[in-house]
């Protein structure tokens, strides 16, 4: 009787990425992945000690692919902006994995390459070495949050999006001026979270970098 096939680490990561691409990160489990591969969970735990370690490895592959062939150009702000847009594009193609990265982070070569580029860009900007760890942390949180938010919005279908827009319009335009005077005052100019996500991403990042430069 033939034994079960032995899956390589890369094959396991491929299957996990496909499950996450077509499903929900909350519904992902090692047992379900093992079932998809026609094996048992214990065989996967020979490659990864836990579900979290597996998910971190999947997210790191997106970072690694995003960093492949990246050539830093320009000053520090330009380098950070280019990197952020590159990561945004990579996770935009796999929005479910953006939530995984935001939740579990990563600690592989992809993460190290990203960290190296951000830190080098901060040093190129003239940031004192003693300030760089904190500046890096703030940037990493901001970029991950923006990417996860945009990717999450991208998974919403057109009907749900239209319904959300209408609910926002009703909630804002129908705000009682006596109870919500500021909302009522700006009601016609306020936009829902999902509006102009691409422009908002770049504007928020630019504002953070400008503020950090003055700091």
Protein backbone atom coordinates (compact mmCIF):
# COMPACT_ATOMS: atom_id res chain seq x y z
CA UNK A 1 0.00 0.00 0.00
CA UNK A 2 1.44 3.32 -1.08
CA UNK A 3 2.19 5.80 1.67
CA UNK A 4 0.83 9.30 1.78
CA UNK A 5 2.56 11.88 -0.33
CA UNK A 6 5.12 14.04 1.44
CA UNK A 7 4.41 17.71 0.79
CA UNK A 8 7.24 20.21 0.64
CA UNK A 9 7.19 23.42 2.65
CA UNK A 10 6.67 25.47 -0.52
CA UNK A 11 3.76 23.27 -1.63
CA UNK A 12 2.13 23.67 1.77
CA UNK A 13 2.53 27.44 1.58
CA UNK A 14 1.08 27.45 -1.95
CA UNK A 15 -1.99 25.56 -0.75
CA UNK A 16 -2.37 27.78 2.32
CA UNK A 17 -2.14 30.93 0.19
CA UNK A 18 -4.83 29.58 -2.15
CA UNK A 19 -7.13 28.75 0.77
CA UNK A 20 -6.67 32.24 2.16
CA UNK A 21 -7.13 33.84 -1.25
CA UNK A 22 -10.48 32.18 -1.80
CA UNK A 23 -11.71 32.15 1.78
CA UNK A 24 -11.62 33.99 5.07
CA UNK A 25 -8.60 34.19 7.35
CA UNK A 26 -10.85 33.53 10.36
CA UNK A 27 -12.07 30.27 8.81
CA UNK A 28 -8.56 29.06 8.02
CA UNK A 29 -7.29 26.10 10.02
CA UNK A 30 -4.41 23.65 9.76
CA UNK A 31 -6.95 20.81 9.78
CA UNK A 32 -8.75 22.27 6.78
CA UNK A 33 -5.46 22.80 4.96
CA UNK A 34 -4.45 19.21 5.68
CA UNK A 35 -7.78 18.01 4.31
CA UNK A 36 -7.21 19.98 1.10
CA UNK A 37 -3.83 18.31 0.74
CA UNK A 38 -5.17 14.85 1.54
CA UNK A 39 -3.04 14.42 4.62
CA UNK A 40 -3.33 14.90 8.38
CA UNK A 41 -2.47 17.90 10.53
CA UNK A 42 0.48 16.20 12.18
CA UNK A 43 2.32 16.02 8.86
CA UNK A 44 2.01 19.80 8.47
CA UNK A 45 3.24 20.43 12.00
CA UNK A 46 6.53 18.86 10.96
CA UNK A 47 7.02 21.98 8.82
CA UNK A 48 5.35 24.60 11.05
CA UNK A 49 5.02 24.48 14.80
CA UNK A 50 1.69 26.33 14.87
CA UNK A 51 -1.02 27.91 12.74
CA UNK A 52 0.41 31.34 13.53
CA UNK A 53 3.87 30.34 12.29
CA UNK A 54 2.31 29.03 9.08
CA UNK A 55 0.32 32.21 8.51
CA UNK A 56 3.39 34.36 9.14
CA UNK A 57 5.25 32.37 6.51
CA UNK A 58 2.44 32.84 3.99
CA UNK A 59 2.40 36.61 4.58
CA UNK A 60 6.18 36.75 4.33
CA UNK A 61 6.07 35.26 0.86
CA UNK A 62 3.98 38.23 -0.29
CA UNK A 63 6.57 40.60 1.17
CA UNK A 64 9.37 38.62 -0.44
CA UNK A 65 7.68 38.77 -3.85
CA UNK A 66 7.06 42.51 -3.43
CA UNK A 67 10.72 43.15 -2.61
CA UNK A 68 12.05 41.04 -5.47
CA UNK A 69 13.77 43.26 -7.99
CA UNK A 70 13.10 46.41 -5.94
CA UNK A 71 15.66 49.15 -6.67
CA UNK A 72 15.58 52.09 -4.21
CA UNK A 73 15.58 55.50 -5.88
CA UNK A 74 15.27 59.09 -4.69
CA UNK A 75 15.46 60.58 -1.23
CA UNK A 76 14.23 58.93 1.95
CA UNK A 77 10.57 59.97 1.58
CA UNK A 78 10.48 58.87 -2.05
CA UNK A 79 11.97 55.51 -1.12
CA UNK A 80 9.44 54.91 1.65
CA UNK A 81 6.54 55.99 -0.55
CA UNK A 82 7.69 53.72 -3.39
CA UNK A 83 8.03 50.80 -0.98
CA UNK A 84 4.59 51.37 0.55
CA UNK A 85 2.96 51.50 -2.89
CA UNK A 86 4.82 48.34 -3.89
CA UNK A 87 3.53 46.48 -0.81
CA UNK A 88 0.05 47.85 -1.38
CA UNK A 89 0.05 46.48 -4.93
CA UNK A 90 1.31 43.08 -3.81
CA UNK A 91 -1.32 42.65 -1.11
CA UNK A 92 -3.97 44.20 -3.35
CA UNK A 93 -3.67 41.14 -5.56
CA UNK A 94 -4.24 38.91 -2.50
CA UNK A 95 -6.44 41.00 -0.17
CA UNK A 96 -7.17 38.17 2.25
CA UNK A 97 -3.46 37.89 2.96
CA UNK A 98 -3.31 41.57 3.89
CA UNK A 99 -5.46 40.81 6.92
CA UNK A 100 -3.12 37.95 7.81
CA UNK A 101 -0.10 40.26 7.63
CA UNK A 102 -1.83 42.91 9.72
CA UNK A 103 -2.79 40.36 12.35
CA UNK A 104 0.18 38.03 12.54
CA UNK A 105 3.02 40.13 11.06
CA UNK A 106 6.01 38.29 9.59
CA UNK A 107 9.54 37.42 10.56
CA UNK A 108 11.10 35.93 7.44
CA UNK A 109 13.36 37.26 4.72
CA UNK A 110 10.53 39.30 3.20
CA UNK A 111 10.04 41.16 6.46
CA UNK A 112 13.80 41.65 6.87
CA UNK A 113 14.10 43.09 3.35
CA UNK A 114 11.24 45.50 4.03
CA UNK A 115 12.74 46.54 7.37
CA UNK A 116 16.16 47.05 5.82
CA UNK A 117 14.78 49.34 3.12
CA UNK A 118 12.69 51.44 5.54
CA UNK A 119 15.58 51.84 7.98
CA UNK A 120 18.02 52.71 5.19
CA UNK A 121 15.51 55.27 3.86
CA UNK A 122 15.12 56.81 7.32
CA UNK A 123 18.89 57.10 7.67
CA UNK A 124 19.07 58.66 4.20
CA UNK A 125 16.55 61.24 5.43
CA UNK A 126 18.96 62.33 8.14
CA UNK A 127 16.99 60.85 11.03
CA UNK A 128 19.29 60.37 14.06
CA UNK A 129 20.01 56.72 14.79
CA UNK A 130 18.44 56.90 18.24
CA UNK A 131 15.10 57.91 16.71
CA UNK A 132 15.03 55.34 13.94
CA UNK A 133 13.55 52.32 15.81
CA UNK A 134 10.50 54.32 16.91
CA UNK A 135 10.12 55.98 13.50
CA UNK A 136 10.32 52.57 11.85
CA UNK A 137 7.67 51.15 14.16
CA UNK A 138 5.23 53.97 13.46
CA UNK A 139 5.71 53.65 9.72
CA UNK A 140 5.30 49.89 9.76
CA UNK A 141 2.06 50.14 11.74
CA UNK A 142 0.71 52.87 9.47
CA UNK A 143 1.54 51.04 6.23
CA UNK A 144 0.17 47.71 7.47
CA UNK A 145 -3.02 49.37 8.72
CA UNK A 146 -3.61 51.25 5.46
CA UNK A 147 -3.00 48.13 3.38
CA UNK A 148 -5.23 45.95 5.58
CA UNK A 149 -8.03 48.55 5.48
CA UNK A 150 -7.88 48.94 1.72
CA UNK A 151 -7.70 45.20 1.15
CA UNK A 152 -10.63 44.62 3.49
CA UNK A 153 -12.74 47.11 1.58
CA UNK A 154 -11.76 45.41 -1.67
CA UNK A 155 -13.37 42.15 -0.54
CA UNK A 156 -16.79 43.80 -0.21
CA UNK A 157 -19.09 43.11 -3.15
CA UNK A 158 -20.68 45.90 -5.23
CA UNK A 159 -24.13 45.43 -3.69
CA UNK A 160 -22.76 45.62 -0.15
CA UNK A 161 -20.66 48.63 -1.10
CA UNK A 162 -23.66 50.45 -2.56
CA UNK A 163 -25.72 49.64 0.53
CA UNK A 164 -22.95 50.92 2.78
CA UNK A 165 -22.71 54.15 0.85
CA UNK A 166 -26.45 54.70 1.12
CA UNK A 167 -26.48 53.95 4.86
CA UNK A 168 -23.64 56.43 5.34
CA UNK A 169 -25.48 59.08 3.35
CA UNK A 170 -28.67 58.60 5.35
CA UNK A 171 -26.81 58.57 8.69
CA UNK A 172 -24.87 61.74 7.93
CA UNK A 173 -27.49 63.81 6.15
CA UNK A 174 -30.07 62.76 8.72
CA UNK A 175 -27.96 63.74 11.72
CA UNK A 176 -29.87 65.88 14.22
CA UNK A 177 -28.13 69.31 14.24
CA UNK A 178 -29.01 69.80 17.90
CA UNK A 179 -27.29 66.56 18.95
CA UNK A 180 -24.60 66.30 16.27
CA UNK A 181 -23.90 69.91 15.23
CA UNK A 182 -20.45 69.25 13.74
CA UNK A 183 -21.64 66.29 11.67
CA UNK A 184 -24.65 68.27 10.42
CA UNK A 185 -22.44 71.22 9.51
CA UNK A 186 -20.08 69.14 7.35
CA UNK A 187 -22.64 66.53 6.24
CA UNK A 188 -22.50 67.28 2.51
CA UNK A 189 -18.70 67.15 2.44
CA UNK A 190 -18.08 64.05 4.52
CA UNK A 191 -17.23 60.84 2.69
CA UNK A 192 -17.53 57.20 3.79
CA UNK A 193 -14.43 55.21 4.66
CA UNK A 194 -14.48 53.34 1.38
CA UNK A 195 -14.42 56.42 -0.83
CA UNK A 196 -11.26 57.30 -2.76
CA UNK A 197 -9.18 54.69 -0.97
CA UNK A 198 -6.23 55.01 -3.34
CA UNK A 199 -5.97 58.77 -2.93
CA UNK A 200 -6.45 58.51 0.82
CA UNK A 201 -3.64 55.95 1.12
CA UNK A 202 -1.13 58.24 -0.56
CA UNK A 203 -2.35 61.39 1.19
CA UNK A 204 -2.16 59.83 4.67
CA UNK A 205 1.30 58.42 4.03
CA UNK A 206 2.52 61.75 2.63
CA UNK A 207 1.12 63.64 5.63
CA UNK A 208 2.84 61.26 8.04
CA UNK A 209 6.19 61.59 6.25
CA UNK A 210 5.88 65.36 6.12
CA UNK A 211 5.09 65.52 9.82
CA UNK A 212 7.91 63.14 10.67
CA UNK A 213 10.31 65.31 8.68
CA UNK A 214 9.40 68.34 10.75
CA UNK A 215 9.74 66.34 13.95
